[in-house]
Amino acid sequence: MDGTILFVCSGNFCRSPMAEAILKDFLRQDGKECHYRIHSAGTWTRDGLSASPLAIRAMQELGLDISAHRSRHLTSQDVAGVDLIIVMTRDHKEALSAEFPEAREKLCLLSELADQRYDIADPSGSDSLELHKGCAHEIKELLTQGYSRILSIAATGDEEA
């Protein structure tokens, strides 16, 4: 196993499950799915919630199925057991840095991994499929741009990778 990657957003029923599914698909296409463990969790959720129906539809348009996803509340065990934590917003990064100071070195903002620095807006609460599709495409583009860097950091722990 080369590394374990955890995606974190607020509710774990939209952005982080979409990111999890997209990265798993990239790894499958690349023949590396056995080398990495990919999970997701939420900072402000409870266990067992389904993915948002609009997130499910947006992902179906990308050929991915997240209908079996169930939310997980982020725990200290989650944080301790991963090599890289990818968050959606600067607020997530700041909050996790404060709550889990031992994990600061493995926290990265998704956009930063693609050499940018901005928050991924949360489409949850919106009834717009277009907004959810836009979020899914944005996450996919950032994961495409940051793919090799993400794998390298997860495998080596070196953020300069």
N, C-alpha and C. Protein backbone atom coordinates (compact mmCIF):
# COMPACT_ATOMS: atom_id res chain seq x y z
N MET A 1 0.86 -1.19 0.00
CA MET A 1 0.00 0.00 0.00
C MET A 1 0.89 1.24 0.00
N ASP A 2 0.67 2.11 -0.98
CA ASP A 2 1.48 3.32 -1.09
C ASP A 2 0.98 4.46 -0.21
N GLY A 3 -0.33 4.49 0.09
CA GLY A 3 -0.82 5.58 0.91
C GLY A 3 -2.33 5.56 1.08
N THR A 4 -2.77 6.30 2.08
CA THR A 4 -4.19 6.44 2.36
C THR A 4 -4.56 7.91 2.29
N ILE A 5 -5.61 8.21 1.54
CA ILE A 5 -6.03 9.59 1.28
C ILE A 5 -7.45 9.75 1.81
N LEU A 6 -7.68 10.85 2.52
CA LEU A 6 -8.99 11.15 3.08
C LEU A 6 -9.45 12.50 2.55
N PHE A 7 -10.62 12.52 1.93
CA PHE A 7 -11.25 13.77 1.51
C PHE A 7 -12.21 14.21 2.61
N VAL A 8 -12.17 15.51 2.93
CA VAL A 8 -13.03 16.03 3.99
C VAL A 8 -13.77 17.27 3.50
N CYS A 9 -15.09 17.27 3.76
CA CYS A 9 -15.91 18.46 3.56
C CYS A 9 -16.81 18.58 4.79
N SER A 10 -17.84 19.35 4.71
CA SER A 10 -18.69 19.56 5.88
C SER A 10 -19.63 18.38 6.14
N GLY A 11 -20.47 18.04 5.16
CA GLY A 11 -21.51 17.06 5.38
C GLY A 11 -21.20 15.65 4.93
N ASN A 12 -20.19 15.47 4.09
CA ASN A 12 -19.82 14.18 3.53
C ASN A 12 -20.98 13.54 2.76
N PHE A 13 -21.75 14.40 2.09
CA PHE A 13 -22.77 13.85 1.20
C PHE A 13 -22.76 14.53 -0.16
N CYS A 14 -21.74 15.34 -0.44
CA CYS A 14 -21.66 15.99 -1.75
C CYS A 14 -20.21 16.06 -2.23
N ARG A 15 -19.47 17.09 -1.80
CA ARG A 15 -18.12 17.32 -2.33
C ARG A 15 -17.14 16.19 -2.06
N SER A 16 -17.00 15.78 -0.81
CA SER A 16 -15.98 14.75 -0.51
C SER A 16 -16.33 13.38 -1.11
N PRO A 17 -17.59 12.93 -1.13
CA PRO A 17 -17.85 11.66 -1.81
C PRO A 17 -17.63 11.75 -3.32
N MET A 18 -17.89 12.93 -3.91
CA MET A 18 -17.62 13.10 -5.33
C MET A 18 -16.12 12.99 -5.58
N ALA A 19 -15.33 13.67 -4.76
CA ALA A 19 -13.87 13.63 -4.92
C ALA A 19 -13.35 12.20 -4.72
N GLU A 20 -13.88 11.52 -3.71
CA GLU A 20 -13.48 10.14 -3.44
C GLU A 20 -13.74 9.25 -4.67
N ALA A 21 -14.93 9.35 -5.23
CA ALA A 21 -15.30 8.52 -6.39
C ALA A 21 -14.44 8.85 -7.62
N ILE A 22 -14.20 10.12 -7.83
CA ILE A 22 -13.40 10.53 -9.00
C ILE A 22 -11.97 10.03 -8.87
N LEU A 23 -11.36 10.20 -7.69
CA LEU A 23 -9.98 9.74 -7.53
C LEU A 23 -9.90 8.22 -7.62
N LYS A 24 -10.86 7.51 -7.04
CA LYS A 24 -10.88 6.05 -7.17
C LYS A 24 -10.95 5.65 -8.64
N ASP A 25 -11.75 6.36 -9.43
CA ASP A 25 -11.86 6.07 -10.85
C ASP A 25 -10.54 6.32 -11.57
N PHE A 26 -9.88 7.43 -11.25
CA PHE A 26 -8.57 7.71 -11.85
C PHE A 26 -7.59 6.58 -11.54
N LEU A 27 -7.57 6.15 -10.28
CA LEU A 27 -6.66 5.07 -9.87
C LEU A 27 -6.99 3.77 -10.60
N ARG A 28 -8.29 3.48 -10.74
CA ARG A 28 -8.70 2.28 -11.46
C ARG A 28 -8.21 2.33 -12.91
N GLN A 29 -8.42 3.48 -13.56
CA GLN A 29 -7.99 3.64 -14.95
C GLN A 29 -6.48 3.53 -15.08
N ASP A 30 -5.77 3.93 -14.04
CA ASP A 30 -4.31 3.95 -14.05
C ASP A 30 -3.72 2.63 -13.54
N GLY A 31 -4.58 1.68 -13.16
CA GLY A 31 -4.10 0.40 -12.64
C GLY A 31 -3.46 0.50 -11.27
N LYS A 32 -3.81 1.54 -10.52
CA LYS A 32 -3.19 1.76 -9.20
C LYS A 32 -4.17 1.65 -8.05
N GLU A 33 -5.39 1.13 -8.31
CA GLU A 33 -6.40 1.10 -7.26
C GLU A 33 -6.00 0.25 -6.06
N CYS A 34 -5.12 -0.70 -6.25
CA CYS A 34 -4.66 -1.55 -5.14
C CYS A 34 -3.58 -0.88 -4.30
N HIS A 35 -3.05 0.23 -4.79
CA HIS A 35 -1.93 0.88 -4.11
C HIS A 35 -2.36 1.96 -3.13
N TYR A 36 -3.58 2.42 -3.22
CA TYR A 36 -4.03 3.53 -2.37
C TYR A 36 -5.40 3.22 -1.79
N ARG A 37 -5.61 3.66 -0.56
CA ARG A 37 -6.94 3.62 0.06
C ARG A 37 -7.49 5.03 0.01
N ILE A 38 -8.73 5.15 -0.45
CA ILE A 38 -9.37 6.46 -0.55
C ILE A 38 -10.65 6.44 0.27
N HIS A 39 -10.82 7.42 1.14
CA HIS A 39 -12.00 7.53 1.99
C HIS A 39 -12.48 8.98 1.99
N SER A 40 -13.64 9.20 2.59
CA SER A 40 -14.11 10.56 2.81
C SER A 40 -14.86 10.62 4.14
N ALA A 41 -14.95 11.84 4.67
CA ALA A 41 -15.63 12.07 5.94
C ALA A 41 -16.07 13.53 5.99
N GLY A 42 -16.90 13.83 6.96
CA GLY A 42 -17.40 15.19 7.12
C GLY A 42 -17.14 15.73 8.51
N THR A 43 -16.96 17.03 8.58
CA THR A 43 -16.70 17.68 9.87
C THR A 43 -17.99 18.00 10.61
N TRP A 44 -19.08 18.08 9.89
CA TRP A 44 -20.33 18.54 10.46
C TRP A 44 -21.45 17.64 9.95
N THR A 45 -21.39 16.36 10.33
CA THR A 45 -22.35 15.39 9.82
C THR A 45 -22.56 14.30 10.85
N ARG A 46 -23.42 13.37 10.53
CA ARG A 46 -23.56 12.17 11.33
C ARG A 46 -23.40 10.97 10.41
N ASP A 47 -23.09 9.84 10.98
CA ASP A 47 -22.85 8.64 10.18
C ASP A 47 -24.14 8.14 9.53
N GLY A 48 -24.00 7.64 8.31
CA GLY A 48 -25.07 6.91 7.66
C GLY A 48 -25.98 7.66 6.72
N LEU A 49 -25.72 8.94 6.48
CA LEU A 49 -26.56 9.70 5.55
C LEU A 49 -26.20 9.35 4.11
N SER A 50 -27.19 9.30 3.25
CA SER A 50 -26.95 9.05 1.83
C SER A 50 -26.30 10.26 1.18
N ALA A 51 -25.64 10.01 0.07
CA ALA A 51 -25.15 11.12 -0.74
C ALA A 51 -26.36 11.92 -1.22
N SER A 52 -26.17 13.19 -1.44
CA SER A 52 -27.24 14.05 -1.94
C SER A 52 -27.76 13.52 -3.27
N PRO A 53 -29.08 13.49 -3.46
CA PRO A 53 -29.64 13.02 -4.74
C PRO A 53 -29.07 13.79 -5.94
N LEU A 54 -28.84 15.09 -5.78
CA LEU A 54 -28.29 15.86 -6.90
C LEU A 54 -26.81 15.54 -7.13
N ALA A 55 -26.07 15.23 -6.06
CA ALA A 55 -24.68 14.80 -6.22
C ALA A 55 -24.64 13.45 -6.93
N ILE A 56 -25.56 12.57 -6.58
CA ILE A 56 -25.64 11.26 -7.25
C ILE A 56 -25.90 11.46 -8.74
N ARG A 57 -26.85 12.33 -9.08
CA ARG A 57 -27.16 12.59 -10.49
C ARG A 57 -25.98 13.22 -11.23
N ALA A 58 -25.32 14.17 -10.57
CA ALA A 58 -24.16 14.83 -11.20
C ALA A 58 -23.06 13.81 -11.48
N MET A 59 -22.85 12.90 -10.56
CA MET A 59 -21.81 11.89 -10.75
C MET A 59 -22.21 10.87 -11.81
N GLN A 60 -23.50 10.56 -11.91
CA GLN A 60 -23.96 9.65 -12.97
C GLN A 60 -23.60 10.20 -14.33
N GLU A 61 -23.65 11.51 -14.47
CA GLU A 61 -23.30 12.12 -15.75
C GLU A 61 -21.81 11.99 -16.06
N LEU A 62 -21.01 11.72 -15.01
CA LEU A 62 -19.58 11.45 -15.22
C LEU A 62 -19.32 9.94 -15.31
N GLY A 63 -20.40 9.16 -15.27
CA GLY A 63 -20.26 7.71 -15.35
C GLY A 63 -19.88 7.05 -14.03
N LEU A 64 -20.11 7.74 -12.93
CA LEU A 64 -19.74 7.21 -11.61
C LEU A 64 -20.97 7.09 -10.72
N ASP A 65 -20.98 6.07 -9.89
CA ASP A 65 -22.13 5.79 -9.03
C ASP A 65 -21.74 5.97 -7.57
N ILE A 66 -22.33 6.97 -6.91
CA ILE A 66 -22.08 7.17 -5.48
C ILE A 66 -23.34 6.89 -4.66
N SER A 67 -24.29 6.17 -5.24
CA SER A 67 -25.57 5.93 -4.56
C SER A 67 -25.41 5.08 -3.31
N ALA A 68 -24.37 4.28 -3.21
CA ALA A 68 -24.16 3.44 -2.02
C ALA A 68 -23.40 4.18 -0.92
N HIS A 69 -22.93 5.37 -1.21
CA HIS A 69 -22.16 6.14 -0.21
C HIS A 69 -23.01 6.43 1.02
N ARG A 70 -22.38 6.33 2.18
CA ARG A 70 -22.99 6.72 3.45
C ARG A 70 -21.99 7.61 4.18
N SER A 71 -22.51 8.70 4.73
CA SER A 71 -21.64 9.70 5.38
C SER A 71 -20.96 9.12 6.62
N ARG A 72 -19.80 9.71 6.91
CA ARG A 72 -19.03 9.36 8.10
C ARG A 72 -18.59 10.65 8.76
N HIS A 73 -18.78 10.73 10.06
CA HIS A 73 -18.29 11.88 10.81
C HIS A 73 -16.79 11.68 11.04
N LEU A 74 -16.02 12.71 10.79
CA LEU A 74 -14.57 12.65 10.95
C LEU A 74 -14.18 12.39 12.40
N THR A 75 -13.29 11.42 12.60
CA THR A 75 -12.82 11.09 13.95
C THR A 75 -11.31 11.23 14.03
N SER A 76 -10.80 11.22 15.25
CA SER A 76 -9.35 11.29 15.43
C SER A 76 -8.68 10.04 14.86
N GLN A 77 -9.38 8.90 14.87
CA GLN A 77 -8.82 7.68 14.27
C GLN A 77 -8.68 7.84 12.75
N ASP A 78 -9.66 8.51 12.12
CA ASP A 78 -9.56 8.78 10.69
C ASP A 78 -8.30 9.58 10.39
N VAL A 79 -8.11 10.63 11.17
CA VAL A 79 -6.97 11.54 10.97
C VAL A 79 -5.65 10.81 11.19
N ALA A 80 -5.58 10.00 12.23
CA ALA A 80 -4.34 9.30 12.54
C ALA A 80 -3.99 8.24 11.50
N GLY A 81 -5.01 7.68 10.86
CA GLY A 81 -4.77 6.56 9.97
C GLY A 81 -4.55 6.89 8.51
N VAL A 82 -4.33 8.15 8.19
CA VAL A 82 -4.16 8.52 6.78
C VAL A 82 -2.83 9.24 6.54
N ASP A 83 -2.43 9.24 5.29
CA ASP A 83 -1.19 9.90 4.89
C ASP A 83 -1.42 11.30 4.34
N LEU A 84 -2.63 11.55 3.81
CA LEU A 84 -2.95 12.84 3.21
C LEU A 84 -4.42 13.14 3.45
N ILE A 85 -4.72 14.33 3.94
CA ILE A 85 -6.08 14.79 4.14
C ILE A 85 -6.31 15.96 3.19
N ILE A 86 -7.27 15.79 2.30
CA ILE A 86 -7.57 16.83 1.31
C ILE A 86 -8.90 17.47 1.67
N VAL A 87 -8.87 18.77 1.91
CA VAL A 87 -10.06 19.51 2.31
C VAL A 87 -10.54 20.40 1.17
N MET A 88 -11.79 20.83 1.28
CA MET A 88 -12.41 21.61 0.22
C MET A 88 -12.27 23.12 0.40
N THR A 89 -12.13 23.57 1.67
CA THR A 89 -12.07 25.01 1.92
C THR A 89 -10.95 25.35 2.89
N ARG A 90 -10.58 26.61 2.86
CA ARG A 90 -9.58 27.10 3.82
C ARG A 90 -10.10 27.00 5.24
N ASP A 91 -11.42 27.18 5.42
CA ASP A 91 -12.01 27.02 6.76
C ASP A 91 -11.87 25.59 7.26
N HIS A 92 -12.06 24.61 6.38
CA HIS A 92 -11.85 23.21 6.78
C HIS A 92 -10.41 23.01 7.24
N LYS A 93 -9.49 23.55 6.46
CA LYS A 93 -8.07 23.37 6.78
C LYS A 93 -7.74 24.01 8.12
N GLU A 94 -8.24 25.21 8.35
CA GLU A 94 -7.99 25.92 9.60
C GLU A 94 -8.62 25.17 10.79
N ALA A 95 -9.85 24.72 10.62
CA ALA A 95 -10.54 24.01 11.70
C ALA A 95 -9.85 22.69 12.04
N LEU A 96 -9.44 21.94 11.02
CA LEU A 96 -8.76 20.67 11.28
C LEU A 96 -7.38 20.88 11.85
N SER A 97 -6.71 21.94 11.43
CA SER A 97 -5.39 22.26 12.01
C SER A 97 -5.51 22.54 13.50
N ALA A 98 -6.60 23.23 13.89
CA ALA A 98 -6.81 23.55 15.30
C ALA A 98 -7.22 22.31 16.09
N GLU A 99 -8.11 21.50 15.51
CA GLU A 99 -8.62 20.33 16.23
C GLU A 99 -7.61 19.18 16.26
N PHE A 100 -6.82 19.05 15.21
CA PHE A 100 -5.85 17.96 15.09
C PHE A 100 -4.47 18.53 14.76
N PRO A 101 -3.84 19.23 15.68
CA PRO A 101 -2.55 19.87 15.36
C PRO A 101 -1.49 18.88 14.88
N GLU A 102 -1.60 17.65 15.31
CA GLU A 102 -0.63 16.63 14.88
C GLU A 102 -0.77 16.30 13.39
N ALA A 103 -1.86 16.72 12.78
CA ALA A 103 -2.12 16.39 11.38
C ALA A 103 -1.83 17.55 10.43
N ARG A 104 -1.34 18.66 10.94
CA ARG A 104 -1.13 19.85 10.09
C ARG A 104 -0.31 19.56 8.84
N GLU A 105 0.71 18.73 9.00
CA GLU A 105 1.61 18.45 7.88
C GLU A 105 0.96 17.64 6.77
N LYS A 106 -0.14 16.97 7.08
CA LYS A 106 -0.78 16.15 6.04
C LYS A 106 -2.09 16.75 5.54
N LEU A 107 -2.37 17.99 5.89
CA LEU A 107 -3.58 18.69 5.45
C LEU A 107 -3.29 19.53 4.20
N CYS A 108 -4.09 19.34 3.17
CA CYS A 108 -3.93 20.14 1.94
C CYS A 108 -5.30 20.57 1.43
N LEU A 109 -5.36 21.76 0.94
CA LEU A 109 -6.54 22.27 0.25
C LEU A 109 -6.52 21.69 -1.17
N LEU A 110 -7.65 21.15 -1.63
CA LEU A 110 -7.69 20.51 -2.94
C LEU A 110 -7.14 21.43 -4.03
N SER A 111 -7.56 22.67 -4.05
CA SER A 111 -7.11 23.57 -5.11
C SER A 111 -5.60 23.81 -5.06
N GLU A 112 -5.02 23.78 -3.85
CA GLU A 112 -3.57 23.99 -3.72
C GLU A 112 -2.78 22.86 -4.38
N LEU A 113 -3.35 21.68 -4.40
CA LEU A 113 -2.67 20.54 -5.02
C LEU A 113 -2.60 20.69 -6.54
N ALA A 114 -3.39 21.62 -7.07
CA ALA A 114 -3.36 21.96 -8.49
C ALA A 114 -2.76 23.34 -8.69
N ASP A 115 -1.93 23.78 -7.74
CA ASP A 115 -1.21 25.06 -7.80
C ASP A 115 -2.13 26.27 -7.90
N GLN A 116 -3.24 26.20 -7.19
CA GLN A 116 -4.16 27.33 -7.08
C GLN A 116 -4.47 27.48 -5.59
N ARG A 117 -5.33 28.43 -5.24
CA ARG A 117 -5.71 28.56 -3.83
C ARG A 117 -7.08 29.21 -3.73
N TYR A 118 -8.09 28.35 -3.69
CA TYR A 118 -9.45 28.85 -3.53
C TYR A 118 -10.31 27.74 -2.95
N ASP A 119 -11.48 28.11 -2.45
CA ASP A 119 -12.41 27.16 -1.86
C ASP A 119 -13.32 26.55 -2.92
N ILE A 120 -13.68 25.28 -2.71
CA ILE A 120 -14.68 24.62 -3.54
C ILE A 120 -16.02 24.91 -2.88
N ALA A 121 -16.87 25.66 -3.56
CA ALA A 121 -18.17 26.04 -3.00
C ALA A 121 -19.05 24.81 -2.79
N ASP A 122 -19.80 24.83 -1.71
CA ASP A 122 -20.68 23.72 -1.35
C ASP A 122 -22.03 23.89 -2.03
N PRO A 123 -22.39 22.98 -2.94
CA PRO A 123 -23.70 23.09 -3.59
C PRO A 123 -24.84 22.53 -2.74
N SER A 124 -24.52 21.91 -1.60
CA SER A 124 -25.56 21.34 -0.73
C SER A 124 -26.55 22.42 -0.34
N GLY A 125 -27.78 22.05 -0.27
CA GLY A 125 -28.81 23.01 0.07
C GLY A 125 -29.41 23.68 -1.15
N SER A 126 -28.74 23.53 -2.28
CA SER A 126 -29.26 24.09 -3.53
C SER A 126 -30.06 23.00 -4.24
N ASP A 127 -31.10 23.40 -4.94
CA ASP A 127 -31.85 22.42 -5.73
C ASP A 127 -31.46 22.49 -7.20
N SER A 128 -30.24 22.99 -7.46
CA SER A 128 -29.75 23.15 -8.82
C SER A 128 -28.84 21.98 -9.22
N LEU A 129 -29.30 21.19 -10.17
CA LEU A 129 -28.46 20.12 -10.70
C LEU A 129 -27.23 20.72 -11.38
N GLU A 130 -27.40 21.85 -12.05
CA GLU A 130 -26.27 22.49 -12.74
C GLU A 130 -25.18 22.88 -11.76
N LEU A 131 -25.55 23.37 -10.59
CA LEU A 131 -24.57 23.73 -9.57
C LEU A 131 -23.81 22.50 -9.10
N HIS A 132 -24.50 21.40 -8.91
CA HIS A 132 -23.86 20.15 -8.50
C HIS A 132 -22.95 19.60 -9.60
N LYS A 133 -23.42 19.67 -10.84
CA LYS A 133 -22.59 19.22 -11.96
C LYS A 133 -21.34 20.09 -12.07
N GLY A 134 -21.51 21.39 -11.89
CA GLY A 134 -20.36 22.29 -11.94
C GLY A 134 -19.35 21.96 -10.86
N CYS A 135 -19.83 21.65 -9.66
CA CYS A 135 -18.94 21.28 -8.56
C CYS A 135 -18.19 19.99 -8.91
N ALA A 136 -18.90 18.99 -9.43
CA ALA A 136 -18.27 17.72 -9.80
C ALA A 136 -17.19 17.94 -10.86
N HIS A 137 -17.48 18.75 -11.86
CA HIS A 137 -16.50 19.02 -12.91
C HIS A 137 -15.29 19.80 -12.36
N GLU A 138 -15.54 20.73 -11.46
CA GLU A 138 -14.45 21.48 -10.83
C GLU A 138 -13.54 20.55 -10.04
N ILE A 139 -14.13 19.67 -9.25
CA ILE A 139 -13.35 18.70 -8.48
C ILE A 139 -12.57 17.79 -9.41
N LYS A 140 -13.21 17.32 -10.46
CA LYS A 140 -12.52 16.44 -11.42
C LYS A 140 -11.34 17.15 -12.07
N GLU A 141 -11.52 18.40 -12.44
CA GLU A 141 -10.43 19.16 -13.07
C GLU A 141 -9.27 19.35 -12.10
N LEU A 142 -9.56 19.69 -10.85
CA LEU A 142 -8.50 19.87 -9.85
C LEU A 142 -7.78 18.55 -9.57
N LEU A 143 -8.53 17.46 -9.51
CA LEU A 143 -7.90 16.15 -9.29
C LEU A 143 -7.06 15.74 -10.50
N THR A 144 -7.51 16.10 -11.68
CA THR A 144 -6.72 15.82 -12.89
C THR A 144 -5.40 16.58 -12.82
N GLN A 145 -5.47 17.87 -12.51
CA GLN A 145 -4.26 18.70 -12.46
C GLN A 145 -3.33 18.28 -11.32
N GLY A 146 -3.88 17.86 -10.20
CA GLY A 146 -3.06 17.54 -9.03
C GLY A 146 -2.79 16.07 -8.83
N TYR A 147 -3.22 15.23 -9.76
CA TYR A 147 -3.16 13.77 -9.60
C TYR A 147 -1.79 13.25 -9.19
N SER A 148 -0.77 13.53 -9.97
CA SER A 148 0.55 12.96 -9.65
C SER A 148 1.08 13.51 -8.33
N ARG A 149 0.81 14.77 -8.04
CA ARG A 149 1.26 15.36 -6.78
C ARG A 149 0.53 14.70 -5.60
N ILE A 150 -0.76 14.47 -5.74
CA ILE A 150 -1.55 13.82 -4.68
C ILE A 150 -0.97 12.44 -4.37
N LEU A 151 -0.72 11.66 -5.40
CA LEU A 151 -0.19 10.31 -5.19
C LEU A 151 1.19 10.35 -4.57
N SER A 152 2.00 11.28 -5.01
CA SER A 152 3.35 11.40 -4.48
C SER A 152 3.33 11.79 -3.00
N ILE A 153 2.50 12.76 -2.64
CA ILE A 153 2.41 13.17 -1.23
C ILE A 153 1.89 12.03 -0.38
N ALA A 154 0.86 11.33 -0.86
CA ALA A 154 0.30 10.21 -0.10
C ALA A 154 1.33 9.11 0.11
N ALA A 155 2.18 8.90 -0.87
CA ALA A 155 3.17 7.83 -0.79
C ALA A 155 4.40 8.22 0.03
N THR A 156 4.77 9.50 -0.03
CA THR A 156 6.03 9.91 0.61
C THR A 156 5.84 10.83 1.81
N GLY A 157 4.68 11.48 1.89
CA GLY A 157 4.45 12.46 2.96
C GLY A 157 5.13 13.78 2.68
N ASP A 158 5.72 13.94 1.49
CA ASP A 158 6.46 15.14 1.15
C ASP A 158 5.57 16.08 0.35
N GLU A 159 5.14 17.19 0.97
CA GLU A 159 4.25 18.12 0.30
C GLU A 159 4.94 18.86 -0.84
N GLU A 160 6.23 18.82 -0.90
CA GLU A 160 6.96 19.48 -2.00
C GLU A 160 7.01 18.60 -3.23
N ALA A 161 6.39 17.45 -3.16
CA ALA A 161 6.42 16.49 -4.27
C ALA A 161 5.89 17.09 -5.56
